[in-house]
């Protein structure tokens, strides 16, 4: 049996004969042929994987980047913010976890920027094994008053950017026989709320993209999944509170209690650490058969 390209250099192989007559090869360690860089091992290793996390200078994206670095993964950060603060963040993650951490300021509305992000990550990290499409923005308004420019920007960043990163990263993933695409959708990719037409449309679209690409890659060693968080207290969510209060004619405290957490049975915000840990698991070998899935982490919101 010919081993996939990405697992030809191994420290030990174990052979199992299955009841249906097939033979399973299990490797304890796998490396690429590009100078010994450690990559995906069949024992569930994440150490040494190269990951891009879009929108990772704050909020959910930063939580995922922190978790990846803690799991020994090299990370390319992306997002907007003060240059000195981003550099301090990059340096802290690299120093604390002993991994390579880069930064690229790609504007996720611009396909040319996204192309440069992928190329830069491949050069700096050695290869891109994992792409987390997390970049997102929000605007709250009734649909008949919804600004056209806000609609276009939300669709571009929350949906189209995931298409561009995925199409650009997939060829190398498929050639190596391993890859993980993790799309950060939302509970609003599964259900709707009023006054969020663009966001809900984009997040539903992300789930359609996730399922389609997962089927296209089903035999390639690449999995594609969507995490669907409930309300997480991030800068994006905090920014929604005054807009929602104004639109609904209620106080900020009432927005949190009666709108945001009303449908979340746990009555608490999901933490970025919980989402980060979930994303690390999806990169592991234990998640190899999970693909095309919309995975809620929402305190029971969509179970109702």
Protein backbone atom coordinates (compact mmCIF):
# COMPACT_ATOMS: atom_id res chain seq x y z
CA UNK A 1 0.00 0.00 0.00
CA UNK A 2 1.36 3.42 -0.94
CA UNK A 3 1.32 5.88 1.93
CA UNK A 4 -0.04 9.37 1.30
CA UNK A 5 2.61 11.92 0.48
CA UNK A 6 2.28 13.66 3.83
CA UNK A 7 2.94 10.49 5.86
CA UNK A 8 5.84 8.87 4.06
CA UNK A 9 8.41 9.78 6.68
CA UNK A 10 7.37 8.04 9.88
CA UNK A 11 8.92 6.76 13.06
CA UNK A 12 6.78 3.62 13.38
CA UNK A 13 3.92 1.94 11.52
CA UNK A 14 1.41 -0.41 13.11
CA UNK A 15 -0.74 -2.63 10.88
CA UNK A 16 -4.27 -3.69 11.79
CA UNK A 17 -6.35 -6.22 9.85
CA UNK A 18 -9.99 -5.17 9.90
CA UNK A 19 -12.94 -7.55 9.87
CA UNK A 20 -13.99 -6.53 6.37
CA UNK A 21 -10.63 -7.56 4.95
CA UNK A 22 -9.12 -4.10 4.72
CA UNK A 23 -5.75 -3.23 6.19
CA UNK A 24 -5.28 -0.13 8.31
CA UNK A 25 -1.87 1.50 8.63
CA UNK A 26 -1.39 3.62 11.73
CA UNK A 27 1.61 5.93 12.08
CA UNK A 28 2.87 7.37 15.35
CA UNK A 29 4.47 10.38 13.67
CA UNK A 30 4.35 11.91 10.24
CA UNK A 31 6.57 14.54 8.65
CA UNK A 32 6.66 16.13 5.26
CA UNK A 33 9.53 15.77 2.80
CA UNK A 34 10.33 19.49 2.89
CA UNK A 35 13.25 19.37 5.29
CA UNK A 36 11.74 17.50 8.20
CA UNK A 37 9.03 19.96 9.24
CA UNK A 38 6.68 18.21 11.65
CA UNK A 39 3.15 18.19 10.35
CA UNK A 40 0.06 16.10 10.90
CA UNK A 41 0.66 12.81 12.68
CA UNK A 42 -1.95 10.09 12.70
CA UNK A 43 -1.80 10.05 16.49
CA UNK A 44 -3.69 13.32 16.69
CA UNK A 45 -0.72 15.70 16.89
CA UNK A 46 -1.29 19.36 16.22
CA UNK A 47 2.24 20.51 17.05
CA UNK A 48 3.93 22.08 14.05
CA UNK A 49 0.82 22.65 11.99
CA UNK A 50 0.66 26.01 10.21
CA UNK A 51 -2.59 27.94 10.64
CA UNK A 52 -4.12 31.15 9.33
CA UNK A 53 -6.79 32.70 11.56
CA UNK A 54 -8.56 35.66 9.98
CA UNK A 55 -9.92 38.38 12.21
CA UNK A 56 -7.60 37.26 15.01
CA UNK A 57 -6.44 40.48 16.63
CA UNK A 58 -9.36 40.35 19.07
CA UNK A 59 -12.41 38.35 20.11
CA UNK A 60 -13.10 34.81 18.92
CA UNK A 61 -10.27 34.86 16.40
CA UNK A 62 -7.73 35.82 19.06
CA UNK A 63 -9.09 33.10 21.35
CA UNK A 64 -8.58 30.53 18.58
CA UNK A 65 -5.08 31.85 17.79
CA UNK A 66 -4.17 31.63 21.49
CA UNK A 67 -5.42 28.05 21.67
CA UNK A 68 -3.57 27.08 18.49
CA UNK A 69 -0.29 28.55 19.74
CA UNK A 70 -0.82 26.75 23.05
CA UNK A 71 -1.21 23.49 21.13
CA UNK A 72 2.14 24.05 19.41
CA UNK A 73 0.81 25.35 16.12
CA UNK A 74 2.44 28.13 14.10
CA UNK A 75 -0.04 30.93 13.47
CA UNK A 76 -0.55 33.76 11.01
CA UNK A 77 -2.63 36.49 12.61
CA UNK A 78 -4.82 38.83 10.59
CA UNK A 79 -6.98 41.80 11.43
CA UNK A 80 -7.08 45.52 12.04
CA UNK A 81 -5.83 47.47 15.02
CA UNK A 82 -3.02 49.58 16.39
CA UNK A 83 0.28 48.41 14.86
CA UNK A 84 2.21 48.49 18.14
CA UNK A 85 -0.50 46.56 19.97
CA UNK A 86 -0.62 43.91 17.23
CA UNK A 87 3.16 43.53 17.34
CA UNK A 88 3.05 43.17 21.13
CA UNK A 89 0.37 40.49 20.72
CA UNK A 90 2.36 38.66 18.06
CA UNK A 91 5.52 38.77 20.15
CA UNK A 92 3.72 37.57 23.29
CA UNK A 93 2.16 34.57 21.57
CA UNK A 94 5.45 33.56 19.96
CA UNK A 95 7.47 34.00 23.15
CA UNK A 96 4.99 32.36 25.49
CA UNK A 97 4.41 29.26 23.38
CA UNK A 98 7.68 28.93 21.47
CA UNK A 99 6.01 28.91 18.06
CA UNK A 100 6.22 31.02 14.92
CA UNK A 101 3.61 33.77 14.90
CA UNK A 102 3.27 36.13 11.96
CA UNK A 103 0.89 38.93 11.09
CA UNK A 104 -0.64 40.02 7.81
CA UNK A 105 -2.96 43.00 7.54
CA UNK A 106 -4.99 41.75 4.58
CA UNK A 107 -8.25 43.59 3.98
CA UNK A 108 -10.63 40.64 3.78
CA UNK A 109 -12.88 42.48 1.32
CA UNK A 110 -10.07 42.41 -1.28
CA UNK A 111 -9.26 39.13 -3.10
CA UNK A 112 -5.75 40.33 -4.00
CA UNK A 113 -4.99 40.96 -0.32
CA UNK A 114 -6.29 37.51 0.55
CA UNK A 115 -4.08 35.95 -2.11
CA UNK A 116 -1.06 37.70 -0.60
CA UNK A 117 -2.10 36.53 2.89
CA UNK A 118 -2.04 32.89 1.78
CA UNK A 119 1.30 33.26 0.00
CA UNK A 120 2.87 35.09 2.93
CA UNK A 121 1.66 32.45 5.38
CA UNK A 122 3.05 29.64 3.24
CA UNK A 123 6.42 31.40 3.17
CA UNK A 124 6.56 32.33 6.84
CA UNK A 125 4.99 29.21 8.36
CA UNK A 126 6.35 26.71 5.83
CA UNK A 127 2.89 25.54 4.83
CA UNK A 128 -0.76 26.21 5.59
CA UNK A 129 -2.44 23.17 7.13
CA UNK A 130 -5.36 24.97 8.77
CA UNK A 131 -7.48 27.93 7.72
CA UNK A 132 -9.91 29.47 10.19
CA UNK A 133 -12.32 31.87 8.51
CA UNK A 134 -13.35 34.07 11.38
CA UNK A 135 -13.25 37.66 10.09
CA UNK A 136 -16.62 39.30 10.51
CA UNK A 137 -18.52 42.54 10.99
CA UNK A 138 -22.08 43.34 12.01
CA UNK A 139 -24.74 45.99 11.51
CA UNK A 140 -28.18 46.07 13.11
CA UNK A 141 -31.04 47.71 11.24
CA UNK A 142 -34.49 46.90 9.82
CA UNK A 143 -34.15 45.52 6.31
CA UNK A 144 -36.02 48.40 4.70
CA UNK A 145 -33.55 50.85 6.26
CA UNK A 146 -30.47 48.66 5.86
CA UNK A 147 -27.64 50.65 4.20
CA UNK A 148 -26.58 49.04 0.91
CA UNK A 149 -22.91 49.64 1.64
CA UNK A 150 -23.26 47.82 4.98
CA UNK A 151 -24.92 44.85 3.28
CA UNK A 152 -22.14 44.63 0.69
CA UNK A 153 -19.39 44.90 3.31
CA UNK A 154 -20.91 42.22 5.55
CA UNK A 155 -21.35 39.78 2.68
CA UNK A 156 -17.79 40.46 1.47
CA UNK A 157 -16.11 39.97 4.85
CA UNK A 158 -18.36 37.38 6.51
CA UNK A 159 -18.95 35.15 3.46
CA UNK A 160 -16.92 35.94 0.35
CA UNK A 161 -13.60 36.09 2.21
CA UNK A 162 -14.12 32.48 3.34
CA UNK A 163 -14.59 31.46 -0.28
CA UNK A 164 -11.35 33.17 -1.29
CA UNK A 165 -9.16 31.78 1.51
CA UNK A 166 -10.56 28.30 0.96
CA UNK A 167 -10.10 28.22 -2.80
CA UNK A 168 -6.52 29.47 -2.45
CA UNK A 169 -5.43 27.15 0.39
CA UNK A 170 -7.11 23.95 -0.81
CA UNK A 171 -4.75 22.90 -3.64
CA UNK A 172 -1.73 22.54 -1.34
CA UNK A 173 -3.81 20.84 1.37
CA UNK A 174 -5.13 18.29 -1.11
CA UNK A 175 -1.64 17.69 -2.52
CA UNK A 176 -0.38 16.86 1.00
CA UNK A 177 -3.43 14.75 1.84
CA UNK A 178 -4.25 16.75 4.96
CA UNK A 179 -5.98 20.00 5.80
CA UNK A 180 -8.52 21.63 8.05
CA UNK A 181 -10.87 24.45 7.09
CA UNK A 182 -12.82 25.79 10.05
CA UNK A 183 -15.46 28.39 9.27
CA UNK A 184 -16.73 30.44 12.17
CA UNK A 185 -20.43 30.75 11.41
CA UNK A 186 -22.91 31.46 14.18
CA UNK A 187 -26.08 30.26 15.81
CA UNK A 188 -27.43 32.84 13.36
CA UNK A 189 -26.28 30.48 10.61
CA UNK A 190 -28.95 28.08 11.88
CA UNK A 191 -31.70 30.41 13.08
CA UNK A 192 -32.59 34.05 12.49
CA UNK A 193 -33.12 37.17 14.55
CA UNK A 194 -34.75 40.41 13.40
CA UNK A 195 -32.73 43.42 12.24
CA UNK A 196 -29.68 41.34 11.21
CA UNK A 197 -30.54 40.48 7.62
CA UNK A 198 -27.02 40.73 6.16
CA UNK A 199 -25.33 38.91 9.05
CA UNK A 200 -27.88 36.10 9.10
CA UNK A 201 -27.75 35.74 5.32
CA UNK A 202 -23.95 35.62 5.34
CA UNK A 203 -23.76 33.09 8.18
CA UNK A 204 -26.33 30.84 6.50
CA UNK A 205 -24.22 31.15 3.36
CA UNK A 206 -21.12 30.07 5.28
CA UNK A 207 -22.88 26.82 6.20
CA UNK A 208 -23.75 26.18 2.55
CA UNK A 209 -20.14 26.80 1.56
CA UNK A 210 -18.94 24.52 4.35
CA UNK A 211 -21.11 21.60 3.27
CA UNK A 212 -20.30 21.96 -0.42
CA UNK A 213 -16.52 22.11 0.02
CA UNK A 214 -16.61 19.25 2.54
CA UNK A 215 -18.26 17.01 -0.05
CA UNK A 216 -15.79 18.06 -2.71
CA UNK A 217 -12.87 17.21 -0.40
CA UNK A 218 -14.34 14.12 1.27
CA UNK A 219 -11.67 11.71 -0.02
CA UNK A 220 -8.74 14.09 0.13
CA UNK A 221 -7.86 14.14 3.83
CA UNK A 222 -9.19 17.68 4.13
CA UNK A 223 -12.11 18.34 6.48
CA UNK A 224 -14.33 21.41 6.36
CA UNK A 225 -16.54 22.32 9.29
CA UNK A 226 -18.36 25.29 10.76
CA UNK A 227 -18.43 26.31 14.39
CA UNK A 228 -21.69 28.04 15.30
CA UNK A 229 -21.21 30.07 18.48
CA UNK A 230 -24.02 31.61 20.45
CA UNK A 231 -23.42 34.97 22.04
CA UNK A 232 -19.78 35.52 23.00
CA UNK A 233 -18.85 38.75 24.77
CA UNK A 234 -16.44 40.06 22.14
CA UNK A 235 -15.88 43.61 20.87
CA UNK A 236 -18.21 42.80 17.95
CA UNK A 237 -21.01 41.77 20.31
CA UNK A 238 -20.41 44.67 22.69
CA UNK A 239 -20.69 47.06 19.74
CA UNK A 240 -24.14 45.65 18.93
CA UNK A 241 -25.59 46.50 22.33
CA UNK A 242 -26.20 50.26 21.85
CA UNK A 243 -27.45 49.74 18.27
CA UNK A 244 -29.85 47.03 19.39
CA UNK A 245 -31.00 49.12 22.35
CA UNK A 246 -31.75 52.05 20.04
CA UNK A 247 -33.48 49.89 17.42
CA UNK A 248 -35.68 48.13 19.99
CA UNK A 249 -36.19 51.12 22.28
CA UNK A 250 -34.84 49.35 25.38
CA UNK A 251 -31.88 49.75 27.74
CA UNK A 252 -28.44 48.15 27.28
CA UNK A 253 -29.03 45.89 30.29
CA UNK A 254 -32.31 44.73 28.75
CA UNK A 255 -30.51 43.94 25.48
CA UNK A 256 -28.12 41.60 27.30
CA UNK A 257 -30.75 39.97 29.52
CA UNK A 258 -33.83 39.91 27.30
CA UNK A 259 -32.35 39.73 23.80
CA UNK A 260 -28.84 38.27 23.75
CA UNK A 261 -29.15 35.74 26.55
CA UNK A 262 -32.90 35.20 26.34
CA UNK A 263 -32.46 32.26 23.99
CA UNK A 264 -29.27 30.90 25.55
CA UNK A 265 -30.50 28.44 28.22
CA UNK A 266 -27.23 28.50 30.16
CA UNK A 267 -27.79 32.24 30.68
CA UNK A 268 -24.13 33.00 30.20
CA UNK A 269 -21.96 34.09 27.32
CA UNK A 270 -19.89 31.44 25.55
CA UNK A 271 -16.19 32.02 26.25
CA UNK A 272 -13.51 32.46 23.59
CA UNK A 273 -11.47 29.82 25.42
CA UNK A 274 -14.22 27.25 24.86
CA UNK A 275 -14.31 28.03 21.16
CA UNK A 276 -10.51 27.88 20.93
CA UNK A 277 -10.39 24.45 22.55
CA UNK A 278 -13.08 23.21 20.16
CA UNK A 279 -11.12 24.48 17.17
CA UNK A 280 -7.97 22.68 18.36
CA UNK A 281 -9.95 19.44 18.58
CA UNK A 282 -11.20 19.88 15.01
CA UNK A 283 -7.55 20.03 13.88
CA UNK A 284 -6.73 16.73 15.58
CA UNK A 285 -6.90 13.22 14.20
CA UNK A 286 -9.80 12.56 16.56
CA UNK A 287 -11.91 14.81 14.32
CA UNK A 288 -10.85 13.21 11.04
CA UNK A 289 -14.35 11.89 10.30
CA UNK A 290 -16.12 15.13 11.21
CA UNK A 291 -16.68 17.07 8.01
CA UNK A 292 -19.47 19.14 6.51
CA UNK A 293 -20.86 19.74 9.99
CA UNK A 294 -22.47 22.79 11.55
CA UNK A 295 -21.37 22.51 15.17
CA UNK A 296 -23.21 24.67 17.71
CA UNK A 297 -21.41 25.90 20.81
CA UNK A 298 -24.25 28.06 22.03
CA UNK A 299 -25.38 27.08 25.51
CA UNK A 300 -28.35 25.16 24.07
CA UNK A 301 -29.75 28.02 21.96
CA UNK A 302 -30.60 26.04 18.82
CA UNK A 303 -31.74 22.97 20.79
CA UNK A 304 -35.02 24.76 21.53
